[in-house]
Amino acid sequence: QKHNPDRHYWFFDSFDGFQVPTGDDKLDTYLAKSVYVAPLEKVKQSFKDFGIPITQNVHFVQGNFEDSIPKLKVDRPVALLRMDGDLYSSTSVVLKYLYPSLQ
């Protein structure tokens, strides 16, 4: 933020693991593991532990990509898009709504 104090940083995640059921019992069992859960408070603490300040320009959006991404009003070009949508449904939503704004 030293170089561009007006830049905003957006972090989208469920912060509570995957949404199940998917309709595939084997996949549901795999996705229900607690290893995929990263609680928001733990993520924020990790930012602090690494010396990354959480300012008014840092936004954490909790929810599934399918619900949260379409609600985002993108009014500026996206300089960097790092997606980690593990499922096709979440990846396709990110590409549909954010890729057109990517510089």
PDB file of N, CA and C in Angstrom:
ATOM      1  N   GLN A   1       0.815  -1.188   0.000  1.00  0.00           N
ATOM      2  CA  GLN A   1       0.000   0.000   0.000  1.00  0.00           C
ATOM      3  C   GLN A   1       0.861   1.255   0.000  1.00  0.00           C
ATOM      4  N   LYS A   2       2.150   1.115   0.207  1.00  0.00           N
ATOM      5  CA  LYS A   2       3.027   2.274   0.198  1.00  0.00           C
ATOM      6  C   LYS A   2       3.049   2.921  -1.177  1.00  0.00           C
ATOM      7  N   HIS A   3       2.958   2.110  -2.225  1.00  0.00           N
ATOM      8  CA  HIS A   3       3.063   2.628  -3.581  1.00  0.00           C
ATOM      9  C   HIS A   3       1.743   3.158  -4.116  1.00  0.00           C
ATOM     10  N   ASN A   4       0.651   2.601  -3.677  1.00  0.00           N
ATOM     11  CA  ASN A   4      -0.658   3.044  -4.141  1.00  0.00           C
ATOM     12  C   ASN A   4      -1.660   2.926  -2.993  1.00  0.00           C
ATOM     13  N   PRO A   5      -1.776   3.974  -2.198  1.00  0.00           N
ATOM     14  CA  PRO A   5      -2.666   3.894  -1.028  1.00  0.00           C
ATOM     15  C   PRO A   5      -4.147   3.791  -1.387  1.00  0.00           C
ATOM     16  N   ASP A   6      -4.492   4.027  -2.661  1.00  0.00           N
ATOM     17  CA  ASP A   6      -5.890   3.935  -3.075  1.00  0.00           C
ATOM     18  C   ASP A   6      -6.289   2.534  -3.530  1.00  0.00           C
ATOM     19  N   ARG A   7      -5.315   1.633  -3.644  1.00  0.00           N
ATOM     20  CA  ARG A   7      -5.615   0.277  -4.103  1.00  0.00           C
ATOM     21  C   ARG A   7      -6.359  -0.492  -3.012  1.00  0.00           C
ATOM     22  N   HIS A   8      -7.349  -1.251  -3.446  1.00  0.00           N
ATOM     23  CA  HIS A   8      -8.120  -2.091  -2.523  1.00  0.00           C
ATOM     24  C   HIS A   8      -7.754  -3.551  -2.758  1.00  0.00           C
ATOM     25  N   TYR A   9      -7.822  -4.322  -1.695  1.00  0.00           N
ATOM     26  CA  TYR A   9      -7.481  -5.745  -1.727  1.00  0.00           C
ATOM     27  C   TYR A   9      -8.702  -6.519  -1.239  1.00  0.00           C
ATOM     28  N   TRP A  10      -9.149  -7.439  -2.081  1.00  0.00           N
ATOM     29  CA  TRP A  10     -10.371  -8.198  -1.797  1.00  0.00           C
ATOM     30  C   TRP A  10     -10.018  -9.668  -1.617  1.00  0.00           C
ATOM     31  N   PHE A  11     -10.529 -10.263  -0.560  1.00  0.00           N
ATOM     32  CA  PHE A  11     -10.300 -11.669  -0.259  1.00  0.00           C
ATOM     33  C   PHE A  11     -11.658 -12.349  -0.085  1.00  0.00           C
ATOM     34  N   PHE A  12     -11.975 -13.226  -0.997  1.00  0.00           N
ATOM     35  CA  PHE A  12     -13.248 -13.944  -0.976  1.00  0.00           C
ATOM     36  C   PHE A  12     -12.991 -15.388  -0.554  1.00  0.00           C
ATOM     37  N   ASP A  13     -13.771 -15.855   0.386  1.00  0.00           N
ATOM     38  CA  ASP A  13     -13.650 -17.247   0.810  1.00  0.00           C
ATOM     39  C   ASP A  13     -14.857 -17.565   1.683  1.00  0.00           C
ATOM     40  N   SER A  14     -15.147 -18.848   1.800  1.00  0.00           N
ATOM     41  CA  SER A  14     -16.213 -19.242   2.727  1.00  0.00           C
ATOM     42  C   SER A  14     -15.703 -19.132   4.160  1.00  0.00           C
ATOM     43  N   PHE A  15     -14.401 -19.326   4.349  1.00  0.00           N
ATOM     44  CA  PHE A  15     -13.754 -19.325   5.661  1.00  0.00           C
ATOM     45  C   PHE A  15     -14.314 -20.405   6.582  1.00  0.00           C
ATOM     46  N   ASP A  16     -15.126 -21.301   6.032  1.00  0.00           N
ATOM     47  CA  ASP A  16     -15.616 -22.412   6.850  1.00  0.00           C
ATOM     48  C   ASP A  16     -15.713 -23.706   6.056  1.00  0.00           C
ATOM     49  N   GLY A  17     -14.871 -23.851   5.056  1.00  0.00           N
ATOM     50  CA  GLY A  17     -14.819 -25.093   4.294  1.00  0.00           C
ATOM     51  C   GLY A  17     -15.733 -25.071   3.083  1.00  0.00           C
ATOM     52  N   PHE A  18     -15.872 -26.224   2.505  1.00  0.00           N
ATOM     53  CA  PHE A  18     -16.672 -26.355   1.283  1.00  0.00           C
ATOM     54  C   PHE A  18     -18.153 -26.514   1.579  1.00  0.00           C
ATOM     55  N   GLN A  19     -18.922 -26.091   0.608  1.00  0.00           N
ATOM     56  CA  GLN A  19     -20.368 -26.276   0.679  1.00  0.00           C
ATOM     57  C   GLN A  19     -20.666 -27.697   0.204  1.00  0.00           C
ATOM     58  N   VAL A  20     -21.250 -28.488   1.067  1.00  0.00           N
ATOM     59  CA  VAL A  20     -21.658 -29.838   0.696  1.00  0.00           C
ATOM     60  C   VAL A  20     -23.116 -29.992   1.104  1.00  0.00           C
ATOM     61  N   PRO A  21     -23.899 -30.787   0.494  1.00  0.00           N
ATOM     62  CA  PRO A  21     -23.557 -31.862  -0.432  1.00  0.00           C
ATOM     63  C   PRO A  21     -23.505 -31.401  -1.892  1.00  0.00           C
ATOM     64  N   THR A  22     -22.674 -32.095  -2.632  1.00  0.00           N
ATOM     65  CA  THR A  22     -22.543 -31.830  -4.063  1.00  0.00           C
ATOM     66  C   THR A  22     -23.387 -32.793  -4.883  1.00  0.00           C
ATOM     67  N   GLY A  23     -23.844 -33.851  -4.220  1.00  0.00           N
ATOM     68  CA  GLY A  23     -24.584 -34.888  -4.945  1.00  0.00           C
ATOM     69  C   GLY A  23     -23.720 -36.111  -5.218  1.00  0.00           C
ATOM     70  N   ASP A  24     -22.431 -36.004  -4.900  1.00  0.00           N
ATOM     71  CA  ASP A  24     -21.488 -37.104  -5.090  1.00  0.00           C
ATOM     72  C   ASP A  24     -20.978 -37.487  -3.697  1.00  0.00           C
ATOM     73  N   ASP A  25     -21.415 -38.643  -3.186  1.00  0.00           N
ATOM     74  CA  ASP A  25     -21.086 -39.039  -1.815  1.00  0.00           C
ATOM     75  C   ASP A  25     -19.582 -39.088  -1.555  1.00  0.00           C
ATOM     76  N   LYS A  26     -18.822 -39.603  -2.499  1.00  0.00           N
ATOM     77  CA  LYS A  26     -17.372 -39.705  -2.324  1.00  0.00           C
ATOM     78  C   LYS A  26     -16.749 -38.302  -2.245  1.00  0.00           C
ATOM     79  N   LEU A  27     -17.176 -37.407  -3.115  1.00  0.00           N
ATOM     80  CA  LEU A  27     -16.676 -36.035  -3.109  1.00  0.00           C
ATOM     81  C   LEU A  27     -17.114 -35.309  -1.846  1.00  0.00           C
ATOM     82  N   ASP A  28     -18.348 -35.507  -1.414  1.00  0.00           N
ATOM     83  CA  ASP A  28     -18.847 -34.867  -0.192  1.00  0.00           C
ATOM     84  C   ASP A  28     -18.014 -35.268   1.019  1.00  0.00           C
ATOM     85  N   THR A  29     -17.666 -36.538   1.133  1.00  0.00           N
ATOM     86  CA  THR A  29     -16.846 -37.021   2.242  1.00  0.00           C
ATOM     87  C   THR A  29     -15.473 -36.354   2.213  1.00  0.00           C
ATOM     88  N   TYR A  30     -14.912 -36.245   1.025  1.00  0.00           N
ATOM     89  CA  TYR A  30     -13.597 -35.622   0.860  1.00  0.00           C
ATOM     90  C   TYR A  30     -13.645 -34.134   1.230  1.00  0.00           C
ATOM     91  N   LEU A  31     -14.632 -33.422   0.749  1.00  0.00           N
ATOM     92  CA  LEU A  31     -14.720 -31.977   0.964  1.00  0.00           C
ATOM     93  C   LEU A  31     -15.126 -31.602   2.382  1.00  0.00           C
ATOM     94  N   ALA A  32     -15.717 -32.522   3.124  1.00  0.00           N
ATOM     95  CA  ALA A  32     -16.179 -32.234   4.481  1.00  0.00           C
ATOM     96  C   ALA A  32     -15.049 -32.254   5.510  1.00  0.00           C
ATOM     97  N   LYS A  33     -13.834 -32.583   5.105  1.00  0.00           N
ATOM     98  CA  LYS A  33     -12.706 -32.654   6.032  1.00  0.00           C
ATOM     99  C   LYS A  33     -12.400 -31.276   6.622  1.00  0.00           C
ATOM    100  N   SER A  34     -12.048 -31.265   7.892  1.00  0.00           N
ATOM    101  CA  SER A  34     -11.775 -30.003   8.583  1.00  0.00           C
ATOM    102  C   SER A  34     -10.506 -29.317   8.090  1.00  0.00           C
ATOM    103  N   VAL A  35      -9.662 -30.029   7.386  1.00  0.00           N
ATOM    104  CA  VAL A  35      -8.424 -29.439   6.866  1.00  0.00           C
ATOM    105  C   VAL A  35      -8.709 -28.292   5.891  1.00  0.00           C
ATOM    106  N   TYR A  36      -9.908 -28.252   5.325  1.00  0.00           N
ATOM    107  CA  TYR A  36     -10.273 -27.213   4.366  1.00  0.00           C
ATOM    108  C   TYR A  36     -10.901 -25.980   5.018  1.00  0.00           C
ATOM    109  N   VAL A  37     -10.982 -25.981   6.326  1.00  0.00           N
ATOM    110  CA  VAL A  37     -11.582 -24.861   7.041  1.00  0.00           C
ATOM    111  C   VAL A  37     -10.486 -23.882   7.477  1.00  0.00           C
ATOM    112  N   ALA A  38     -10.661 -22.606   7.127  1.00  0.00           N
ATOM    113  CA  ALA A  38      -9.744 -21.545   7.555  1.00  0.00           C
ATOM    114  C   ALA A  38     -10.596 -20.404   8.098  1.00  0.00           C
ATOM    115  N   PRO A  39     -10.908 -20.436   9.390  1.00  0.00           N
ATOM    116  CA  PRO A  39     -11.773 -19.411   9.965  1.00  0.00           C
ATOM    117  C   PRO A  39     -11.240 -18.001   9.718  1.00  0.00           C
ATOM    118  N   LEU A  40     -12.142 -17.076   9.474  1.00  0.00           N
ATOM    119  CA  LEU A  40     -11.779 -15.700   9.159  1.00  0.00           C
ATOM    120  C   LEU A  40     -10.861 -15.092  10.216  1.00  0.00           C
ATOM    121  N   GLU A  41     -11.158 -15.298  11.473  1.00  0.00           N
ATOM    122  CA  GLU A  41     -10.319 -14.716  12.532  1.00  0.00           C
ATOM    123  C   GLU A  41      -8.899 -15.277  12.478  1.00  0.00           C
ATOM    124  N   LYS A  42      -8.762 -16.546  12.124  1.00  0.00           N
ATOM    125  CA  LYS A  42      -7.430 -17.153  11.999  1.00  0.00           C
ATOM    126  C   LYS A  42      -6.685 -16.552  10.805  1.00  0.00           C
ATOM    127  N   VAL A  43      -7.386 -16.294   9.721  1.00  0.00           N
ATOM    128  CA  VAL A  43      -6.780 -15.668   8.542  1.00  0.00           C
ATOM    129  C   VAL A  43      -6.313 -14.261   8.895  1.00  0.00           C
ATOM    130  N   LYS A  44      -7.152 -13.496   9.562  1.00  0.00           N
ATOM    131  CA  LYS A  44      -6.772 -12.139   9.971  1.00  0.00           C
ATOM    132  C   LYS A  44      -5.566 -12.166  10.913  1.00  0.00           C
ATOM    133  N   GLN A  45      -5.538 -13.133  11.803  1.00  0.00           N
ATOM    134  CA  GLN A  45      -4.394 -13.260  12.711  1.00  0.00           C
ATOM    135  C   GLN A  45      -3.119 -13.578  11.933  1.00  0.00           C
ATOM    136  N   SER A  46      -3.236 -14.379  10.888  1.00  0.00           N
ATOM    137  CA  SER A  46      -2.078 -14.679  10.049  1.00  0.00           C
ATOM    138  C   SER A  46      -1.548 -13.417   9.371  1.00  0.00           C
ATOM    139  N   PHE A  47      -2.439 -12.553   8.917  1.00  0.00           N
ATOM    140  CA  PHE A  47      -2.016 -11.269   8.344  1.00  0.00           C
ATOM    141  C   PHE A  47      -1.181 -10.506   9.376  1.00  0.00           C
ATOM    142  N   LYS A  48      -1.703 -10.414  10.589  1.00  0.00           N
ATOM    143  CA  LYS A  48      -0.999  -9.681  11.646  1.00  0.00           C
ATOM    144  C   LYS A  48       0.342 -10.332  11.972  1.00  0.00           C
ATOM    145  N   ASP A  49       0.349 -11.673  12.038  1.00  0.00           N
ATOM    146  CA  ASP A  49       1.584 -12.399  12.357  1.00  0.00           C
ATOM    147  C   ASP A  49       2.685 -12.132  11.332  1.00  0.00           C
ATOM    148  N   PHE A  50       2.289 -11.902  10.082  1.00  0.00           N
ATOM    149  CA  PHE A  50       3.258 -11.633   9.022  1.00  0.00           C
ATOM    150  C   PHE A  50       3.478 -10.134   8.797  1.00  0.00           C
ATOM    151  N   GLY A  51       2.925  -9.305   9.670  1.00  0.00           N
ATOM    152  CA  GLY A  51       3.143  -7.873   9.582  1.00  0.00           C
ATOM    153  C   GLY A  51       2.376  -7.186   8.476  1.00  0.00           C
ATOM    154  N   ILE A  52       1.278  -7.795   8.029  1.00  0.00           N
ATOM    155  CA  ILE A  52       0.453  -7.205   6.977  1.00  0.00           C
ATOM    156  C   ILE A  52      -0.699  -6.459   7.635  1.00  0.00           C
ATOM    157  N   PRO A  53      -0.710  -5.136   7.512  1.00  0.00           N
ATOM    158  CA  PRO A  53      -1.775  -4.378   8.173  1.00  0.00           C
ATOM    159  C   PRO A  53      -3.136  -4.584   7.500  1.00  0.00           C
ATOM    160  N   ILE A  54      -4.149  -4.693   8.314  1.00  0.00           N
ATOM    161  CA  ILE A  54      -5.516  -4.783   7.800  1.00  0.00           C
ATOM    162  C   ILE A  54      -6.118  -3.385   7.932  1.00  0.00           C
ATOM    163  N   THR A  55      -6.135  -2.674   6.814  1.00  0.00           N
ATOM    164  CA  THR A  55      -6.633  -1.302   6.793  1.00  0.00           C
ATOM    165  C   THR A  55      -8.027  -1.268   6.189  1.00  0.00           C
ATOM    166  N   GLN A  56      -8.551  -0.069   5.992  1.00  0.00           N
ATOM    167  CA  GLN A  56      -9.869   0.083   5.378  1.00  0.00           C
ATOM    168  C   GLN A  56      -9.854  -0.338   3.913  1.00  0.00           C
ATOM    169  N   ASN A  57      -8.677  -0.556   3.339  1.00  0.00           N
ATOM    170  CA  ASN A  57      -8.567  -0.981   1.943  1.00  0.00           C
ATOM    171  C   ASN A  57      -8.506  -2.503   1.804  1.00  0.00           C
ATOM    172  N   VAL A  58      -8.532  -3.207   2.899  1.00  0.00           N
ATOM    173  CA  VAL A  58      -8.493  -4.671   2.891  1.00  0.00           C
ATOM    174  C   VAL A  58      -9.888  -5.175   3.220  1.00  0.00           C
ATOM    175  N   HIS A  59     -10.442  -5.959   2.300  1.00  0.00           N
ATOM    176  CA  HIS A  59     -11.826  -6.414   2.440  1.00  0.00           C
ATOM    177  C   HIS A  59     -11.875  -7.945   2.439  1.00  0.00           C
ATOM    178  N   PHE A  60     -12.471  -8.498   3.457  1.00  0.00           N
ATOM    179  CA  PHE A  60     -12.709  -9.934   3.532  1.00  0.00           C
ATOM    180  C   PHE A  60     -14.193 -10.151   3.282  1.00  0.00           C
ATOM    181  N   VAL A  61     -14.513 -10.963   2.289  1.00  0.00           N
ATOM    182  CA  VAL A  61     -15.909 -11.231   1.943  1.00  0.00           C
ATOM    183  C   VAL A  61     -16.167 -12.710   2.207  1.00  0.00           C
ATOM    184  N   GLN A  62     -16.982 -12.974   3.205  1.00  0.00           N
ATOM    185  CA  GLN A  62     -17.261 -14.352   3.585  1.00  0.00           C
ATOM    186  C   GLN A  62     -18.476 -14.874   2.840  1.00  0.00           C
ATOM    187  N   GLY A  63     -18.319 -16.056   2.269  1.00  0.00           N
ATOM    188  CA  GLY A  63     -19.407 -16.703   1.551  1.00  0.00           C
ATOM    189  C   GLY A  63     -18.872 -17.506   0.381  1.00  0.00           C
ATOM    190  N   ASN A  64     -19.741 -18.280  -0.206  1.00  0.00           N
ATOM    191  CA  ASN A  64     -19.347 -19.044  -1.393  1.00  0.00           C
ATOM    192  C   ASN A  64     -19.243 -18.105  -2.589  1.00  0.00           C
ATOM    193  N   PHE A  65     -18.314 -18.393  -3.481  1.00  0.00           N
ATOM    194  CA  PHE A  65     -18.102 -17.540  -4.657  1.00  0.00           C
ATOM    195  C   PHE A  65     -19.404 -17.315  -5.417  1.00  0.00           C
ATOM    196  N   GLU A  66     -20.205 -18.359  -5.530  1.00  0.00           N
ATOM    197  CA  GLU A  66     -21.446 -18.264  -6.296  1.00  0.00           C
ATOM    198  C   GLU A  66     -22.397 -17.217  -5.717  1.00  0.00           C
ATOM    199  N   ASP A  67     -22.302 -16.974  -4.409  1.00  0.00           N
ATOM    200  CA  ASP A  67     -23.172 -16.004  -3.750  1.00  0.00           C
ATOM    201  C   ASP A  67     -22.528 -14.620  -3.630  1.00  0.00           C
ATOM    202  N   SER A  68     -21.237 -14.572  -3.360  1.00  0.00           N
ATOM    203  CA  SER A  68     -20.594 -13.292  -3.048  1.00  0.00           C
ATOM    204  C   SER A  68     -20.034 -12.553  -4.264  1.00  0.00           C
ATOM    205  N   ILE A  69     -19.437 -13.246  -5.200  1.00  0.00           N
ATOM    206  CA  ILE A  69     -18.802 -12.582  -6.352  1.00  0.00           C
ATOM    207  C   ILE A  69     -19.810 -11.804  -7.200  1.00  0.00           C
ATOM    208  N   PRO A  70     -20.961 -12.362  -7.541  1.00  0.00           N
ATOM    209  CA  PRO A  70     -21.898 -11.586  -8.378  1.00  0.00           C
ATOM    210  C   PRO A  70     -22.380 -10.288  -7.727  1.00  0.00           C
ATOM    211  N   LYS A  71     -22.309 -10.178  -6.410  1.00  0.00           N
ATOM    212  CA  LYS A  71     -22.758  -8.975  -5.713  1.00  0.00           C
ATOM    213  C   LYS A  71     -21.719  -7.854  -5.717  1.00  0.00           C
ATOM    214  N   LEU A  72     -20.472  -8.191  -6.051  1.00  0.00           N
ATOM    215  CA  LEU A  72     -19.406  -7.194  -6.055  1.00  0.00           C
ATOM    216  C   LEU A  72     -19.576  -6.249  -7.234  1.00  0.00           C
ATOM    217  N   LYS A  73     -19.552  -4.970  -6.961  1.00  0.00           N
ATOM    218  CA  LYS A  73     -19.625  -3.956  -8.013  1.00  0.00           C
ATOM    219  C   LYS A  73     -18.192  -3.569  -8.372  1.00  0.00           C
ATOM    220  N   VAL A  74     -17.711  -4.056  -9.497  1.00  0.00           N
ATOM    221  CA  VAL A  74     -16.348  -3.771  -9.933  1.00  0.00           C
ATOM    222  C   VAL A  74     -16.364  -2.451 -10.695  1.00  0.00           C
ATOM    223  N   ASP A  75     -15.821  -1.409 -10.056  1.00  0.00           N
ATOM    224  CA  ASP A  75     -15.842  -0.088 -10.680  1.00  0.00           C
ATOM    225  C   ASP A  75     -14.453   0.386 -11.102  1.00  0.00           C
ATOM    226  N   ARG A  76     -13.460  -0.470 -10.914  1.00  0.00           N
ATOM    227  CA  ARG A  76     -12.094  -0.160 -11.315  1.00  0.00           C
ATOM    228  C   ARG A  76     -11.482  -1.399 -11.949  1.00  0.00           C
ATOM    229  N   PRO A  77     -10.462  -1.216 -12.781  1.00  0.00           N
ATOM    230  CA  PRO A  77      -9.797  -2.399 -13.358  1.00  0.00           C
ATOM    231  C   PRO A  77      -9.191  -3.270 -12.256  1.00  0.00           C
ATOM    232  N   VAL A  78      -9.169  -4.557 -12.504  1.00  0.00           N
ATOM    233  CA  VAL A  78      -8.564  -5.511 -11.578  1.00  0.00           C
ATOM    234  C   VAL A  78      -7.111  -5.700 -12.019  1.00  0.00           C
ATOM    235  N   ALA A  79      -6.175  -5.380 -11.131  1.00  0.00           N
ATOM    236  CA  ALA A  79      -4.757  -5.461 -11.460  1.00  0.00           C
ATOM    237  C   ALA A  79      -4.209  -6.877 -11.290  1.00  0.00           C
ATOM    238  N   LEU A  80      -4.723  -7.605 -10.334  1.00  0.00           N
ATOM    239  CA  LEU A  80      -4.229  -8.950 -10.048  1.00  0.00           C
ATOM    240  C   LEU A  80      -5.413  -9.794  -9.602  1.00  0.00           C
ATOM    241  N   LEU A  81      -5.554 -10.942 -10.205  1.00  0.00           N
ATOM    242  CA  LEU A  81      -6.636 -11.854  -9.841  1.00  0.00           C
ATOM    243  C   LEU A  81      -6.018 -13.210  -9.548  1.00  0.00           C
ATOM    244  N   ARG A  82      -6.030 -13.597  -8.290  1.00  0.00           N
ATOM    245  CA  ARG A  82      -5.507 -14.902  -7.884  1.00  0.00           C
ATOM    246  C   ARG A  82      -6.698 -15.718  -7.429  1.00  0.00           C
ATOM    247  N   MET A  83      -7.092 -16.697  -8.231  1.00  0.00           N
ATOM    248  CA  MET A  83      -8.261 -17.495  -7.882  1.00  0.00           C
ATOM    249  C   MET A  83      -7.841 -18.846  -7.335  1.00  0.00           C
ATOM    250  N   ASP A  84      -8.616 -19.307  -6.397  1.00  0.00           N
ATOM    251  CA  ASP A  84      -8.431 -20.640  -5.855  1.00  0.00           C
ATOM    252  C   ASP A  84      -9.809 -21.251  -5.683  1.00  0.00           C
ATOM    253  N   GLY A  85     -10.515 -21.327  -6.794  1.00  0.00           N
ATOM    254  CA  GLY A  85     -11.820 -21.966  -6.780  1.00  0.00           C
ATOM    255  C   GLY A  85     -11.616 -23.437  -7.066  1.00  0.00           C
ATOM    256  N   ASP A  86     -11.741 -24.234  -6.052  1.00  0.00           N
ATOM    257  CA  ASP A  86     -11.418 -25.654  -6.187  1.00  0.00           C
ATOM    258  C   ASP A  86     -12.442 -26.431  -7.002  1.00  0.00           C
ATOM    259  N   LEU A  87     -13.616 -25.893  -7.154  1.00  0.00           N
ATOM    260  CA  LEU A  87     -14.659 -26.567  -7.908  1.00  0.00           C
ATOM    261  C   LEU A  87     -14.948 -25.807  -9.199  1.00  0.00           C
ATOM    262  N   TYR A  88     -15.452 -26.505 -10.181  1.00  0.00           N
ATOM    263  CA  TYR A  88     -15.775 -25.860 -11.454  1.00  0.00           C
ATOM    264  C   TYR A  88     -16.775 -24.731 -11.261  1.00  0.00           C
ATOM    265  N   SER A  89     -17.782 -24.961 -10.428  1.00  0.00           N
ATOM    266  CA  SER A  89     -18.830 -23.948 -10.237  1.00  0.00           C
ATOM    267  C   SER A  89     -18.262 -22.639  -9.695  1.00  0.00           C
ATOM    268  N   SER A  90     -17.352 -22.717  -8.740  1.00  0.00           N
ATOM    269  CA  SER A  90     -16.784 -21.493  -8.180  1.00  0.00           C
ATOM    270  C   SER A  90     -15.805 -20.831  -9.145  1.00  0.00           C
ATOM    271  N   THR A  91     -15.027 -21.617  -9.856  1.00  0.00           N
ATOM    272  CA  THR A  91     -14.082 -21.068 -10.830  1.00  0.00           C
ATOM    273  C   THR A  91     -14.815 -20.356 -11.952  1.00  0.00           C
ATOM    274  N   SER A  92     -15.884 -20.936 -12.440  1.00  0.00           N
ATOM    275  CA  SER A  92     -16.617 -20.324 -13.556  1.00  0.00           C
ATOM    276  C   SER A  92     -17.260 -19.001 -13.146  1.00  0.00           C
ATOM    277  N   VAL A  93     -17.704 -18.882 -11.899  1.00  0.00           N
ATOM    278  CA  VAL A  93     -18.294 -17.628 -11.414  1.00  0.00           C
ATOM    279  C   VAL A  93     -17.229 -16.530 -11.381  1.00  0.00           C
ATOM    280  N   VAL A  94     -16.048 -16.852 -10.879  1.00  0.00           N
ATOM    281  CA  VAL A  94     -14.968 -15.866 -10.823  1.00  0.00           C
ATOM    282  C   VAL A  94     -14.617 -15.392 -12.226  1.00  0.00           C
ATOM    283  N   LEU A  95     -14.469 -16.322 -13.139  1.00  0.00           N
ATOM    284  CA  LEU A  95     -14.124 -15.944 -14.516  1.00  0.00           C
ATOM    285  C   LEU A  95     -15.231 -15.112 -15.164  1.00  0.00           C
ATOM    286  N   LYS A  96     -16.462 -15.470 -14.947  1.00  0.00           N
ATOM    287  CA  LYS A  96     -17.572 -14.750 -15.554  1.00  0.00           C
ATOM    288  C   LYS A  96     -17.655 -13.296 -15.074  1.00  0.00           C
ATOM    289  N   TYR A  97     -17.489 -13.094 -13.771  1.00  0.00           N
ATOM    290  CA  TYR A  97     -17.716 -11.767 -13.191  1.00  0.00           C
ATOM    291  C   TYR A  97     -16.468 -10.904 -13.063  1.00  0.00           C
ATOM    292  N   LEU A  98     -15.296 -11.510 -12.931  1.00  0.00           N
ATOM    293  CA  LEU A  98     -14.096 -10.706 -12.685  1.00  0.00           C
ATOM    294  C   LEU A  98     -13.117 -10.655 -13.860  1.00  0.00           C
ATOM    295  N   TYR A  99     -13.076 -11.694 -14.665  1.00  0.00           N
ATOM    296  CA  TYR A  99     -12.132 -11.704 -15.790  1.00  0.00           C
ATOM    297  C   TYR A  99     -12.318 -10.521 -16.730  1.00  0.00           C
ATOM    298  N   PRO A 100     -13.534 -10.101 -17.049  1.00  0.00           N
ATOM    299  CA  PRO A 100     -13.699  -8.954 -17.953  1.00  0.00           C
ATOM    300  C   PRO A 100     -13.059  -7.651 -17.430  1.00  0.00           C
ATOM    301  N   SER A 101     -12.866  -7.535 -16.127  1.00  0.00           N
ATOM    302  CA  SER A 101     -12.277  -6.335 -15.550  1.00  0.00           C
ATOM    303  C   SER A 101     -10.764  -6.417 -15.361  1.00  0.00           C
ATOM    304  N   LEU A 102     -10.194  -7.569 -15.688  1.00  0.00           N
ATOM    305  CA  LEU A 102      -8.762  -7.771 -15.499  1.00  0.00           C
ATOM    306  C   LEU A 102      -7.969  -6.947 -16.500  1.00  0.00           C
ATOM    307  N   GLN A 103      -6.976  -6.206 -16.008  1.00  0.00           N
ATOM    308  CA  GLN A 103      -6.133  -5.374 -16.877  1.00  0.00           C
ATOM    309  C   GLN A 103      -5.149  -6.230 -17.618  1.00  0.00           C
TER     310      GLN A 103
END
